[in-house]
Amino acid sequence: MDQPGLDERGQLHALQGLERVNFWSGSPRMLWPAIEQLARNAAPVPLRVLDIACGAGDIAIWLWHRARQTGIDLRIEGCDRSPCALEHAARRAAKTSADVRFFQFDALKSPIPADYDVLM
């Protein structure tokens, strides 16, 4: 997906593939128990979660919806170096009314932000 010169159509195709892998592997469901426990321990302060290299944003969006269903206050953000991925993730979040913020960040070139409780 991060291949130089890959056109937007190719990037979107790669993002959809990653979404399928995350769905079938159960990635968000595996992360949820630990995040839920941390959030309950931190309550009433919201737990701040950052999805590094978030791609399509599907994991962050799933976690936000799950937290909402269980009454847990999470502040979830996703970052990626790809503007195409970020636009796609923001559209997905808006489509499902998920309050997840996405921003551009290259984790290979910059220090990881320290103001989060969970980095994934």
PDB file of N, CA and C in Angstrom:
ATOM      1  N   MET A   1       0.808  -1.184   0.000  1.00  0.00           N
ATOM      2  CA  MET A   1       0.000   0.000   0.000  1.00  0.00           C
ATOM      3  C   MET A   1       0.858   1.257   0.000  1.00  0.00           C
ATOM      4  N   ASP A   2       2.000   1.218   0.677  1.00  0.00           N
ATOM      5  CA  ASP A   2       2.878   2.375   0.748  1.00  0.00           C
ATOM      6  C   ASP A   2       3.907   2.401  -0.376  1.00  0.00           C
ATOM      7  N   GLN A   3       3.690   1.575  -1.378  1.00  0.00           N
ATOM      8  CA  GLN A   3       4.609   1.499  -2.507  1.00  0.00           C
ATOM      9  C   GLN A   3       4.622   2.841  -3.257  1.00  0.00           C
ATOM     10  N   PRO A   4       5.795   3.423  -3.456  1.00  0.00           N
ATOM     11  CA  PRO A   4       5.862   4.681  -4.210  1.00  0.00           C
ATOM     12  C   PRO A   4       5.253   4.515  -5.602  1.00  0.00           C
ATOM     13  N   GLY A   5       4.472   5.501  -6.003  1.00  0.00           N
ATOM     14  CA  GLY A   5       3.898   5.485  -7.334  1.00  0.00           C
ATOM     15  C   GLY A   5       2.594   4.722  -7.459  1.00  0.00           C
ATOM     16  N   LEU A   6       2.140   4.083  -6.393  1.00  0.00           N
ATOM     17  CA  LEU A   6       0.871   3.358  -6.443  1.00  0.00           C
ATOM     18  C   LEU A   6      -0.266   4.364  -6.552  1.00  0.00           C
ATOM     19  N   ASP A   7      -1.107   4.201  -7.560  1.00  0.00           N
ATOM     20  CA  ASP A   7      -2.190   5.155  -7.759  1.00  0.00           C
ATOM     21  C   ASP A   7      -3.280   4.970  -6.697  1.00  0.00           C
ATOM     22  N   GLU A   8      -4.189   5.931  -6.648  1.00  0.00           N
ATOM     23  CA  GLU A   8      -5.237   5.927  -5.616  1.00  0.00           C
ATOM     24  C   GLU A   8      -6.094   4.663  -5.686  1.00  0.00           C
ATOM     25  N   ARG A   9      -6.404   4.217  -6.878  1.00  0.00           N
ATOM     26  CA  ARG A   9      -7.214   2.996  -7.030  1.00  0.00           C
ATOM     27  C   ARG A   9      -6.495   1.797  -6.407  1.00  0.00           C
ATOM     28  N   GLY A  10      -5.198   1.689  -6.652  1.00  0.00           N
ATOM     29  CA  GLY A  10      -4.409   0.615  -6.078  1.00  0.00           C
ATOM     30  C   GLY A  10      -4.341   0.711  -4.561  1.00  0.00           C
ATOM     31  N   GLN A  11      -4.204   1.936  -4.054  1.00  0.00           N
ATOM     32  CA  GLN A  11      -4.175   2.130  -2.603  1.00  0.00           C
ATOM     33  C   GLN A  11      -5.510   1.728  -1.963  1.00  0.00           C
ATOM     34  N   LEU A  12      -6.614   2.130  -2.583  1.00  0.00           N
ATOM     35  CA  LEU A  12      -7.931   1.772  -2.040  1.00  0.00           C
ATOM     36  C   LEU A  12      -8.137   0.260  -2.060  1.00  0.00           C
ATOM     37  N   HIS A  13      -7.656  -0.377  -3.106  1.00  0.00           N
ATOM     38  CA  HIS A  13      -7.748  -1.832  -3.196  1.00  0.00           C
ATOM     39  C   HIS A  13      -6.954  -2.487  -2.058  1.00  0.00           C
ATOM     40  N   ALA A  14      -5.757  -1.973  -1.800  1.00  0.00           N
ATOM     41  CA  ALA A  14      -4.924  -2.490  -0.708  1.00  0.00           C
ATOM     42  C   ALA A  14      -5.601  -2.256   0.647  1.00  0.00           C
ATOM     43  N   LEU A  15      -6.212  -1.092   0.837  1.00  0.00           N
ATOM     44  CA  LEU A  15      -6.907  -0.797   2.092  1.00  0.00           C
ATOM     45  C   LEU A  15      -8.067  -1.761   2.324  1.00  0.00           C
ATOM     46  N   GLN A  16      -8.813  -2.034   1.270  1.00  0.00           N
ATOM     47  CA  GLN A  16      -9.921  -2.985   1.389  1.00  0.00           C
ATOM     48  C   GLN A  16      -9.416  -4.377   1.740  1.00  0.00           C
ATOM     49  N   GLY A  17      -8.271  -4.750   1.190  1.00  0.00           N
ATOM     50  CA  GLY A  17      -7.669  -6.034   1.523  1.00  0.00           C
ATOM     51  C   GLY A  17      -7.268  -6.096   2.987  1.00  0.00           C
ATOM     52  N   LEU A  18      -6.669  -5.010   3.487  1.00  0.00           N
ATOM     53  CA  LEU A  18      -6.288  -4.965   4.900  1.00  0.00           C
ATOM     54  C   LEU A  18      -7.513  -5.019   5.808  1.00  0.00           C
ATOM     55  N   GLU A  19      -8.587  -4.380   5.409  1.00  0.00           N
ATOM     56  CA  GLU A  19      -9.833  -4.447   6.186  1.00  0.00           C
ATOM     57  C   GLU A  19     -10.320  -5.892   6.291  1.00  0.00           C
ATOM     58  N   ARG A  20     -10.263  -6.628   5.188  1.00  0.00           N
ATOM     59  CA  ARG A  20     -10.689  -8.032   5.207  1.00  0.00           C
ATOM     60  C   ARG A  20      -9.801  -8.865   6.128  1.00  0.00           C
ATOM     61  N   VAL A  21      -8.500  -8.634   6.047  1.00  0.00           N
ATOM     62  CA  VAL A  21      -7.572  -9.364   6.922  1.00  0.00           C
ATOM     63  C   VAL A  21      -7.893  -9.066   8.386  1.00  0.00           C
ATOM     64  N   ASN A  22      -8.096  -7.802   8.716  1.00  0.00           N
ATOM     65  CA  ASN A  22      -8.417  -7.433  10.100  1.00  0.00           C
ATOM     66  C   ASN A  22      -9.734  -8.054  10.554  1.00  0.00           C
ATOM     67  N   PHE A  23     -10.715  -8.079   9.663  1.00  0.00           N
ATOM     68  CA  PHE A  23     -12.012  -8.661  10.017  1.00  0.00           C
ATOM     69  C   PHE A  23     -11.881 -10.156  10.290  1.00  0.00           C
ATOM     70  N   TRP A  24     -11.300 -10.872   9.356  1.00  0.00           N
ATOM     71  CA  TRP A  24     -11.226 -12.323   9.479  1.00  0.00           C
ATOM     72  C   TRP A  24     -10.246 -12.779  10.565  1.00  0.00           C
ATOM     73  N   SER A  25      -9.227 -11.992  10.834  1.00  0.00           N
ATOM     74  CA  SER A  25      -8.284 -12.362  11.895  1.00  0.00           C
ATOM     75  C   SER A  25      -8.805 -11.980  13.277  1.00  0.00           C
ATOM     76  N   GLY A  26      -9.831 -11.146  13.316  1.00  0.00           N
ATOM     77  CA  GLY A  26     -10.412 -10.744  14.595  1.00  0.00           C
ATOM     78  C   GLY A  26      -9.553  -9.754  15.363  1.00  0.00           C
ATOM     79  N   SER A  27      -8.729  -9.009  14.666  1.00  0.00           N
ATOM     80  CA  SER A  27      -7.820  -8.076  15.336  1.00  0.00           C
ATOM     81  C   SER A  27      -8.505  -7.161  16.342  1.00  0.00           C
ATOM     82  N   PRO A  28      -9.578  -6.472  15.969  1.00  0.00           N
ATOM     83  CA  PRO A  28     -10.183  -5.578  16.963  1.00  0.00           C
ATOM     84  C   PRO A  28     -10.775  -6.331  18.164  1.00  0.00           C
ATOM     85  N   ARG A  29     -11.322  -7.505  17.907  1.00  0.00           N
ATOM     86  CA  ARG A  29     -11.898  -8.294  19.007  1.00  0.00           C
ATOM     87  C   ARG A  29     -10.815  -8.783  19.958  1.00  0.00           C
ATOM     88  N   MET A  30      -9.610  -9.016  19.446  1.00  0.00           N
ATOM     89  CA  MET A  30      -8.500  -9.431  20.312  1.00  0.00           C
ATOM     90  C   MET A  30      -8.001  -8.267  21.167  1.00  0.00           C
ATOM     91  N   LEU A  31      -8.038  -7.074  20.635  1.00  0.00           N
ATOM     92  CA  LEU A  31      -7.567  -5.901  21.360  1.00  0.00           C
ATOM     93  C   LEU A  31      -8.559  -5.433  22.427  1.00  0.00           C
ATOM     94  N   TRP A  32      -9.834  -5.663  22.178  1.00  0.00           N
ATOM     95  CA  TRP A  32     -10.875  -5.091  23.014  1.00  0.00           C
ATOM     96  C   TRP A  32     -10.763  -5.432  24.500  1.00  0.00           C
ATOM     97  N   PRO A  33     -10.576  -6.685  24.930  1.00  0.00           N
ATOM     98  CA  PRO A  33     -10.564  -6.966  26.371  1.00  0.00           C
ATOM     99  C   PRO A  33      -9.529  -6.148  27.156  1.00  0.00           C
ATOM    100  N   ALA A  34      -8.337  -6.002  26.635  1.00  0.00           N
ATOM    101  CA  ALA A  34      -7.304  -5.232  27.336  1.00  0.00           C
ATOM    102  C   ALA A  34      -7.650  -3.745  27.368  1.00  0.00           C
ATOM    103  N   ILE A  35      -8.144  -3.221  26.246  1.00  0.00           N
ATOM    104  CA  ILE A  35      -8.528  -1.807  26.201  1.00  0.00           C
ATOM    105  C   ILE A  35      -9.703  -1.547  27.131  1.00  0.00           C
ATOM    106  N   GLU A  36     -10.672  -2.452  27.138  1.00  0.00           N
ATOM    107  CA  GLU A  36     -11.824  -2.293  28.023  1.00  0.00           C
ATOM    108  C   GLU A  36     -11.378  -2.252  29.488  1.00  0.00           C
ATOM    109  N   GLN A  37     -10.500  -3.157  29.881  1.00  0.00           N
ATOM    110  CA  GLN A  37     -10.032  -3.191  31.266  1.00  0.00           C
ATOM    111  C   GLN A  37      -9.278  -1.914  31.626  1.00  0.00           C
ATOM    112  N   LEU A  38      -8.399  -1.469  30.751  1.00  0.00           N
ATOM    113  CA  LEU A  38      -7.674  -0.224  31.003  1.00  0.00           C
ATOM    114  C   LEU A  38      -8.633   0.956  31.135  1.00  0.00           C
ATOM    115  N   ALA A  39      -9.633   1.008  30.259  1.00  0.00           N
ATOM    116  CA  ALA A  39     -10.600   2.108  30.289  1.00  0.00           C
ATOM    117  C   ALA A  39     -11.413   2.092  31.582  1.00  0.00           C
ATOM    118  N   ARG A  40     -11.816   0.920  32.034  1.00  0.00           N
ATOM    119  CA  ARG A  40     -12.576   0.829  33.284  1.00  0.00           C
ATOM    120  C   ARG A  40     -11.716   1.258  34.472  1.00  0.00           C
ATOM    121  N   ASN A  41     -10.431   0.911  34.441  1.00  0.00           N
ATOM    122  CA  ASN A  41      -9.521   1.315  35.514  1.00  0.00           C
ATOM    123  C   ASN A  41      -9.255   2.819  35.500  1.00  0.00           C
ATOM    124  N   ALA A  42      -9.279   3.425  34.315  1.00  0.00           N
ATOM    125  CA  ALA A  42      -9.004   4.853  34.179  1.00  0.00           C
ATOM    126  C   ALA A  42     -10.226   5.724  34.434  1.00  0.00           C
ATOM    127  N   ALA A  43     -11.418   5.130  34.382  1.00  0.00           N
ATOM    128  CA  ALA A  43     -12.657   5.906  34.513  1.00  0.00           C
ATOM    129  C   ALA A  43     -12.636   6.707  35.815  1.00  0.00           C
ATOM    130  N   PRO A  44     -13.176   7.888  35.812  1.00  0.00           N
ATOM    131  CA  PRO A  44     -13.998   8.523  34.783  1.00  0.00           C
ATOM    132  C   PRO A  44     -13.208   9.259  33.704  1.00  0.00           C
ATOM    133  N   VAL A  45     -11.888   9.221  33.767  1.00  0.00           N
ATOM    134  CA  VAL A  45     -11.078   9.884  32.739  1.00  0.00           C
ATOM    135  C   VAL A  45     -11.111   9.033  31.469  1.00  0.00           C
ATOM    136  N   PRO A  46     -11.377   9.651  30.320  1.00  0.00           N
ATOM    137  CA  PRO A  46     -11.392   8.879  29.071  1.00  0.00           C
ATOM    138  C   PRO A  46     -10.008   8.313  28.737  1.00  0.00           C
ATOM    139  N   LEU A  47      -9.987   7.109  28.225  1.00  0.00           N
ATOM    140  CA  LEU A  47      -8.746   6.479  27.786  1.00  0.00           C
ATOM    141  C   LEU A  47      -8.411   7.003  26.392  1.00  0.00           C
ATOM    142  N   ARG A  48      -7.153   7.429  26.177  1.00  0.00           N
ATOM    143  CA  ARG A  48      -6.724   7.945  24.880  1.00  0.00           C
ATOM    144  C   ARG A  48      -5.980   6.855  24.138  1.00  0.00           C
ATOM    145  N   VAL A  49      -6.481   6.517  22.931  1.00  0.00           N
ATOM    146  CA  VAL A  49      -5.946   5.418  22.124  1.00  0.00           C
ATOM    147  C   VAL A  49      -5.481   5.964  20.781  1.00  0.00           C
ATOM    148  N   LEU A  50      -4.287   5.542  20.357  1.00  0.00           N
ATOM    149  CA  LEU A  50      -3.776   5.925  19.043  1.00  0.00           C
ATOM    150  C   LEU A  50      -3.494   4.676  18.231  1.00  0.00           C
ATOM    151  N   ASP A  51      -4.105   4.596  17.063  1.00  0.00           N
ATOM    152  CA  ASP A  51      -3.857   3.517  16.110  1.00  0.00           C
ATOM    153  C   ASP A  51      -2.806   4.013  15.121  1.00  0.00           C
ATOM    154  N   ILE A  52      -1.573   3.535  15.284  1.00  0.00           N
ATOM    155  CA  ILE A  52      -0.463   3.962  14.429  1.00  0.00           C
ATOM    156  C   ILE A  52      -0.495   3.150  13.135  1.00  0.00           C
ATOM    157  N   ALA A  53      -0.340   3.847  12.005  1.00  0.00           N
ATOM    158  CA  ALA A  53      -0.443   3.218  10.685  1.00  0.00           C
ATOM    159  C   ALA A  53      -1.820   2.589  10.543  1.00  0.00           C
ATOM    160  N   CYS A  54      -2.832   3.407  10.768  1.00  0.00           N
ATOM    161  CA  CYS A  54      -4.225   2.943  10.868  1.00  0.00           C
ATOM    162  C   CYS A  54      -4.831   2.456   9.564  1.00  0.00           C
ATOM    163  N   GLY A  55      -4.203   2.762   8.442  1.00  0.00           N
ATOM    164  CA  GLY A  55      -4.761   2.301   7.167  1.00  0.00           C
ATOM    165  C   GLY A  55      -6.179   2.808   6.975  1.00  0.00           C
ATOM    166  N   ALA A  56      -7.108   1.893   6.803  1.00  0.00           N
ATOM    167  CA  ALA A  56      -8.506   2.246   6.545  1.00  0.00           C
ATOM    168  C   ALA A  56      -9.255   2.706   7.790  1.00  0.00           C
ATOM    169  N   GLY A  57      -8.609   2.623   8.947  1.00  0.00           N
ATOM    170  CA  GLY A  57      -9.253   3.070  10.180  1.00  0.00           C
ATOM    171  C   GLY A  57     -10.252   2.095  10.755  1.00  0.00           C
ATOM    172  N   ASP A  58     -10.359   0.912  10.170  1.00  0.00           N
ATOM    173  CA  ASP A  58     -11.404  -0.030  10.583  1.00  0.00           C
ATOM    174  C   ASP A  58     -11.270  -0.485  12.025  1.00  0.00           C
ATOM    175  N   ILE A  59     -10.052  -0.685  12.497  1.00  0.00           N
ATOM    176  CA  ILE A  59      -9.885  -1.136  13.885  1.00  0.00           C
ATOM    177  C   ILE A  59     -10.274  -0.024  14.848  1.00  0.00           C
ATOM    178  N   ALA A  60      -9.811   1.185  14.609  1.00  0.00           N
ATOM    179  CA  ALA A  60     -10.166   2.314  15.473  1.00  0.00           C
ATOM    180  C   ALA A  60     -11.673   2.539  15.488  1.00  0.00           C
ATOM    181  N   ILE A  61     -12.298   2.454  14.336  1.00  0.00           N
ATOM    182  CA  ILE A  61     -13.747   2.664  14.243  1.00  0.00           C
ATOM    183  C   ILE A  61     -14.489   1.558  14.977  1.00  0.00           C
ATOM    184  N   TRP A  62     -14.069   0.316  14.811  1.00  0.00           N
ATOM    185  CA  TRP A  62     -14.710  -0.806  15.513  1.00  0.00           C
ATOM    186  C   TRP A  62     -14.600  -0.613  17.018  1.00  0.00           C
ATOM    187  N   LEU A  63     -13.404  -0.260  17.496  1.00  0.00           N
ATOM    188  CA  LEU A  63     -13.206  -0.063  18.934  1.00  0.00           C
ATOM    189  C   LEU A  63     -14.073   1.079  19.460  1.00  0.00           C
ATOM    190  N   TRP A  64     -14.194   2.146  18.707  1.00  0.00           N
ATOM    191  CA  TRP A  64     -15.036   3.268  19.140  1.00  0.00           C
ATOM    192  C   TRP A  64     -16.486   2.815  19.299  1.00  0.00           C
ATOM    193  N   HIS A  65     -16.991   2.079  18.307  1.00  0.00           N
ATOM    194  CA  HIS A  65     -18.382   1.603  18.388  1.00  0.00           C
ATOM    195  C   HIS A  65     -18.573   0.634  19.556  1.00  0.00           C
ATOM    196  N   ARG A  66     -17.619  -0.246  19.762  1.00  0.00           N
ATOM    197  CA  ARG A  66     -17.713  -1.213  20.875  1.00  0.00           C
ATOM    198  C   ARG A  66     -17.703  -0.477  22.213  1.00  0.00           C
ATOM    199  N   ALA A  67     -16.843   0.513  22.339  1.00  0.00           N
ATOM    200  CA  ALA A  67     -16.798   1.308  23.572  1.00  0.00           C
ATOM    201  C   ALA A  67     -18.129   2.009  23.802  1.00  0.00           C
ATOM    202  N   ARG A  68     -18.669   2.546  22.760  1.00  0.00           N
ATOM    203  CA  ARG A  68     -19.961   3.254  22.862  1.00  0.00           C
ATOM    204  C   ARG A  68     -21.067   2.299  23.333  1.00  0.00           C
ATOM    205  N   GLN A  69     -21.062   1.074  22.769  1.00  0.00           N
ATOM    206  CA  GLN A  69     -22.072   0.075  23.150  1.00  0.00           C
ATOM    207  C   GLN A  69     -21.971  -0.304  24.618  1.00  0.00           C
ATOM    208  N   THR A  70     -20.776  -0.276  25.177  1.00  0.00           N
ATOM    209  CA  THR A  70     -20.572  -0.712  26.560  1.00  0.00           C
ATOM    210  C   THR A  70     -20.473   0.449  27.537  1.00  0.00           C
ATOM    211  N   GLY A  71     -20.688   1.661  27.060  1.00  0.00           N
ATOM    212  CA  GLY A  71     -20.678   2.825  27.936  1.00  0.00           C
ATOM    213  C   GLY A  71     -19.296   3.261  28.385  1.00  0.00           C
ATOM    214  N   ILE A  72     -18.274   2.903  27.621  1.00  0.00           N
ATOM    215  CA  ILE A  72     -16.899   3.266  27.960  1.00  0.00           C
ATOM    216  C   ILE A  72     -16.495   4.484  27.138  1.00  0.00           C
ATOM    217  N   ASP A  73     -15.827   5.429  27.803  1.00  0.00           N
ATOM    218  CA  ASP A  73     -15.411   6.659  27.142  1.00  0.00           C
ATOM    219  C   ASP A  73     -13.985   6.514  26.619  1.00  0.00           C
ATOM    220  N   LEU A  74     -13.857   6.344  25.308  1.00  0.00           N
ATOM    221  CA  LEU A  74     -12.557   6.277  24.645  1.00  0.00           C
ATOM    222  C   LEU A  74     -12.408   7.489  23.743  1.00  0.00           C
ATOM    223  N   ARG A  75     -11.211   8.018  23.690  1.00  0.00           N
ATOM    224  CA  ARG A  75     -10.839   9.036  22.710  1.00  0.00           C
ATOM    225  C   ARG A  75      -9.881   8.334  21.763  1.00  0.00           C
ATOM    226  N   ILE A  76     -10.366   8.014  20.576  1.00  0.00           N
ATOM    227  CA  ILE A  76      -9.562   7.232  19.633  1.00  0.00           C
ATOM    228  C   ILE A  76      -9.150   8.093  18.452  1.00  0.00           C
ATOM    229  N   GLU A  77      -7.881   7.996  18.115  1.00  0.00           N
ATOM    230  CA  GLU A  77      -7.341   8.666  16.944  1.00  0.00           C
ATOM    231  C   GLU A  77      -6.536   7.660  16.141  1.00  0.00           C
ATOM    232  N   GLY A  78      -6.435   7.927  14.859  1.00  0.00           N
ATOM    233  CA  GLY A  78      -5.633   7.087  13.986  1.00  0.00           C
ATOM    234  C   GLY A  78      -4.690   7.950  13.180  1.00  0.00           C
ATOM    235  N   CYS A  79      -3.513   7.430  12.930  1.00  0.00           N
ATOM    236  CA  CYS A  79      -2.565   8.185  12.107  1.00  0.00           C
ATOM    237  C   CYS A  79      -1.975   7.255  11.044  1.00  0.00           C
ATOM    238  N   ASP A  80      -1.606   7.857   9.953  1.00  0.00           N
ATOM    239  CA  ASP A  80      -1.008   7.123   8.847  1.00  0.00           C
ATOM    240  C   ASP A  80      -0.213   8.132   8.025  1.00  0.00           C
ATOM    241  N   ARG A  81       0.735   7.638   7.263  1.00  0.00           N
ATOM    242  CA  ARG A  81       1.502   8.551   6.415  1.00  0.00           C
ATOM    243  C   ARG A  81       0.816   8.787   5.068  1.00  0.00           C
ATOM    244  N   SER A  82      -0.171   7.973   4.751  1.00  0.00           N
ATOM    245  CA  SER A  82      -0.841   8.056   3.452  1.00  0.00           C
ATOM    246  C   SER A  82      -2.078   8.956   3.497  1.00  0.00           C
ATOM    247  N   PRO A  83      -2.064  10.064   2.746  1.00  0.00           N
ATOM    248  CA  PRO A  83      -3.260  10.910   2.680  1.00  0.00           C
ATOM    249  C   PRO A  83      -4.470  10.145   2.139  1.00  0.00           C
ATOM    250  N   CYS A  84      -4.239   9.243   1.203  1.00  0.00           N
ATOM    251  CA  CYS A  84      -5.338   8.443   0.641  1.00  0.00           C
ATOM    252  C   CYS A  84      -5.981   7.587   1.728  1.00  0.00           C
ATOM    253  N   ALA A  85      -5.150   6.935   2.545  1.00  0.00           N
ATOM    254  CA  ALA A  85      -5.676   6.104   3.630  1.00  0.00           C
ATOM    255  C   ALA A  85      -6.456   6.958   4.622  1.00  0.00           C
ATOM    256  N   LEU A  86      -5.944   8.125   4.952  1.00  0.00           N
ATOM    257  CA  LEU A  86      -6.605   8.996   5.923  1.00  0.00           C
ATOM    258  C   LEU A  86      -7.960   9.491   5.414  1.00  0.00           C
ATOM    259  N   GLU A  87      -8.014   9.836   4.147  1.00  0.00           N
ATOM    260  CA  GLU A  87      -9.292  10.270   3.569  1.00  0.00           C
ATOM    261  C   GLU A  87     -10.297   9.124   3.599  1.00  0.00           C
ATOM    262  N   HIS A  88      -9.837   7.934   3.242  1.00  0.00           N
ATOM    263  CA  HIS A  88     -10.705   6.752   3.254  1.00  0.00           C
ATOM    264  C   HIS A  88     -11.198   6.475   4.672  1.00  0.00           C
ATOM    265  N   ALA A  89     -10.295   6.521   5.654  1.00  0.00           N
ATOM    266  CA  ALA A  89     -10.660   6.264   7.048  1.00  0.00           C
ATOM    267  C   ALA A  89     -11.659   7.304   7.555  1.00  0.00           C
ATOM    268  N   ALA A  90     -11.430   8.564   7.229  1.00  0.00           N
ATOM    269  CA  ALA A  90     -12.341   9.624   7.671  1.00  0.00           C
ATOM    270  C   ALA A  90     -13.735   9.445   7.060  1.00  0.00           C
ATOM    271  N   ARG A  91     -13.786   9.037   5.800  1.00  0.00           N
ATOM    272  CA  ARG A  91     -15.096   8.776   5.160  1.00  0.00           C
ATOM    273  C   ARG A  91     -15.807   7.624   5.862  1.00  0.00           C
ATOM    274  N   ARG A  92     -15.054   6.550   6.176  1.00  0.00           N
ATOM    275  CA  ARG A  92     -15.645   5.387   6.865  1.00  0.00           C
ATOM    276  C   ARG A  92     -16.178   5.799   8.236  1.00  0.00           C
ATOM    277  N   ALA A  93     -15.412   6.599   8.963  1.00  0.00           N
ATOM    278  CA  ALA A  93     -15.843   7.039  10.297  1.00  0.00           C
ATOM    279  C   ALA A  93     -17.107   7.890  10.186  1.00  0.00           C
ATOM    280  N   ALA A  94     -17.130   8.819   9.242  1.00  0.00           N
ATOM    281  CA  ALA A  94     -18.301   9.685   9.077  1.00  0.00           C
ATOM    282  C   ALA A  94     -19.529   8.867   8.678  1.00  0.00           C
ATOM    283  N   LYS A  95     -19.324   7.885   7.834  1.00  0.00           N
ATOM    284  CA  LYS A  95     -20.435   7.052   7.369  1.00  0.00           C
ATOM    285  C   LYS A  95     -21.100   6.295   8.523  1.00  0.00           C
ATOM    286  N   THR A  96     -20.316   5.930   9.532  1.00  0.00           N
ATOM    287  CA  THR A  96     -20.863   5.179  10.664  1.00  0.00           C
ATOM    288  C   THR A  96     -21.025   6.051  11.908  1.00  0.00           C
ATOM    289  N   SER A  97     -20.852   7.362  11.764  1.00  0.00           N
ATOM    290  CA  SER A  97     -20.964   8.328  12.865  1.00  0.00           C
ATOM    291  C   SER A  97     -19.994   8.049  14.006  1.00  0.00           C
ATOM    292  N   ALA A  98     -18.828   7.492  13.682  1.00  0.00           N
ATOM    293  CA  ALA A  98     -17.807   7.224  14.700  1.00  0.00           C
ATOM    294  C   ALA A  98     -17.000   8.495  14.945  1.00  0.00           C
ATOM    295  N   ASP A  99     -16.822   8.845  16.191  1.00  0.00           N
ATOM    296  CA  ASP A  99     -16.068  10.028  16.559  1.00  0.00           C
ATOM    297  C   ASP A  99     -14.587   9.664  16.704  1.00  0.00           C
ATOM    298  N   VAL A 100     -13.960   9.375  15.565  1.00  0.00           N
ATOM    299  CA  VAL A 100     -12.549   9.016  15.523  1.00  0.00           C
ATOM    300  C   VAL A 100     -11.854  10.054  14.648  1.00  0.00           C
ATOM    301  N   ARG A 101     -10.769  10.617  15.167  1.00  0.00           N
ATOM    302  CA  ARG A 101     -10.014  11.628  14.421  1.00  0.00           C
ATOM    303  C   ARG A 101      -8.804  10.962  13.779  1.00  0.00           C
ATOM    304  N   PHE A 102      -8.523  11.349  12.541  1.00  0.00           N
ATOM    305  CA  PHE A 102      -7.384  10.813  11.799  1.00  0.00           C
ATOM    306  C   PHE A 102      -6.457  11.955  11.407  1.00  0.00           C
ATOM    307  N   PHE A 103      -5.147  11.693  11.477  1.00  0.00           N
ATOM    308  CA  PHE A 103      -4.182  12.720  11.112  1.00  0.00           C
ATOM    309  C   PHE A 103      -2.951  12.084  10.475  1.00  0.00           C
ATOM    310  N   GLN A 104      -2.253  12.894   9.680  1.00  0.00           N
ATOM    311  CA  GLN A 104      -1.078  12.388   8.968  1.00  0.00           C
ATOM    312  C   GLN A 104       0.130  12.368   9.904  1.00  0.00           C
ATOM    313  N   PHE A 105       0.834  11.244   9.877  1.00  0.00           N
ATOM    314  CA  PHE A 105       2.000  11.052  10.736  1.00  0.00           C
ATOM    315  C   PHE A 105       2.815   9.889  10.186  1.00  0.00           C
ATOM    316  N   ASP A 106       4.109  10.073  10.087  1.00  0.00           N
ATOM    317  CA  ASP A 106       5.003   9.021   9.619  1.00  0.00           C
ATOM    318  C   ASP A 106       5.781   8.495  10.818  1.00  0.00           C
ATOM    319  N   ALA A 107       5.384   7.347  11.321  1.00  0.00           N
ATOM    320  CA  ALA A 107       5.986   6.765  12.523  1.00  0.00           C
ATOM    321  C   ALA A 107       7.427   6.324  12.293  1.00  0.00           C
ATOM    322  N   LEU A 108       7.842   6.206  11.050  1.00  0.00           N
ATOM    323  CA  LEU A 108       9.219   5.819  10.769  1.00  0.00           C
ATOM    324  C   LEU A 108      10.174   7.015  10.801  1.00  0.00           C
ATOM    325  N   LYS A 109       9.612   8.214  10.708  1.00  0.00           N
ATOM    326  CA  LYS A 109      10.449   9.407  10.648  1.00  0.00           C
ATOM    327  C   LYS A 109      10.318  10.338  11.849  1.00  0.00           C
ATOM    328  N   SER A 110       9.318  10.122  12.676  1.00  0.00           N
ATOM    329  CA  SER A 110       9.068  11.025  13.799  1.00  0.00           C
ATOM    330  C   SER A 110       8.913  10.235  15.086  1.00  0.00           C
ATOM    331  N   PRO A 111       9.210  10.869  16.220  1.00  0.00           N
ATOM    332  CA  PRO A 111       8.996  10.193  17.498  1.00  0.00           C
ATOM    333  C   PRO A 111       7.512   9.899  17.724  1.00  0.00           C
ATOM    334  N   ILE A 112       7.233   8.773  18.332  1.00  0.00           N
ATOM    335  CA  ILE A 112       5.845   8.390  18.616  1.00  0.00           C
ATOM    336  C   ILE A 112       5.285   9.348  19.667  1.00  0.00           C
ATOM    337  N   PRO A 113       4.086   9.894  19.451  1.00  0.00           N
ATOM    338  CA  PRO A 113       3.490  10.793  20.445  1.00  0.00           C
ATOM    339  C   PRO A 113       3.362  10.118  21.806  1.00  0.00           C
ATOM    340  N   ALA A 114       3.609  10.878  22.849  1.00  0.00           N
ATOM    341  CA  ALA A 114       3.610  10.312  24.204  1.00  0.00           C
ATOM    342  C   ALA A 114       2.331  10.598  24.984  1.00  0.00           C
ATOM    343  N   ASP A 115       1.393  11.319  24.412  1.00  0.00           N
ATOM    344  CA  ASP A 115       0.222  11.723  25.182  1.00  0.00           C
ATOM    345  C   ASP A 115      -0.990  10.791  24.990  1.00  0.00           C
ATOM    346  N   TYR A 116      -0.715   9.506  24.835  1.00  0.00           N
ATOM    347  CA  TYR A 116      -1.776   8.491  24.697  1.00  0.00           C
ATOM    348  C   TYR A 116      -1.586   7.424  25.767  1.00  0.00           C
ATOM    349  N   ASP A 117      -2.688   6.799  26.148  1.00  0.00           N
ATOM    350  CA  ASP A 117      -2.641   5.712  27.120  1.00  0.00           C
ATOM    351  C   ASP A 117      -2.362   4.379  26.441  1.00  0.00           C
ATOM    352  N   VAL A 118      -2.830   4.247  25.200  1.00  0.00           N
ATOM    353  CA  VAL A 118      -2.676   3.000  24.440  1.00  0.00           C
ATOM    354  C   VAL A 118      -2.171   3.337  23.050  1.00  0.00           C
ATOM    355  N   LEU A 119      -1.118   2.647  22.638  1.00  0.00           N
ATOM    356  CA  LEU A 119      -0.606   2.758  21.275  1.00  0.00           C
ATOM    357  C   LEU A 119      -0.756   1.389  20.635  1.00  0.00           C
ATOM    358  N   MET A 120      -1.295   1.358  19.442  1.00  0.00           N
ATOM    359  CA  MET A 120      -1.438   0.078  18.752  1.00  0.00           C
ATOM    360  C   MET A 120      -1.074   0.229  17.301  1.00  0.00           C
TER     361      MET A 120
END
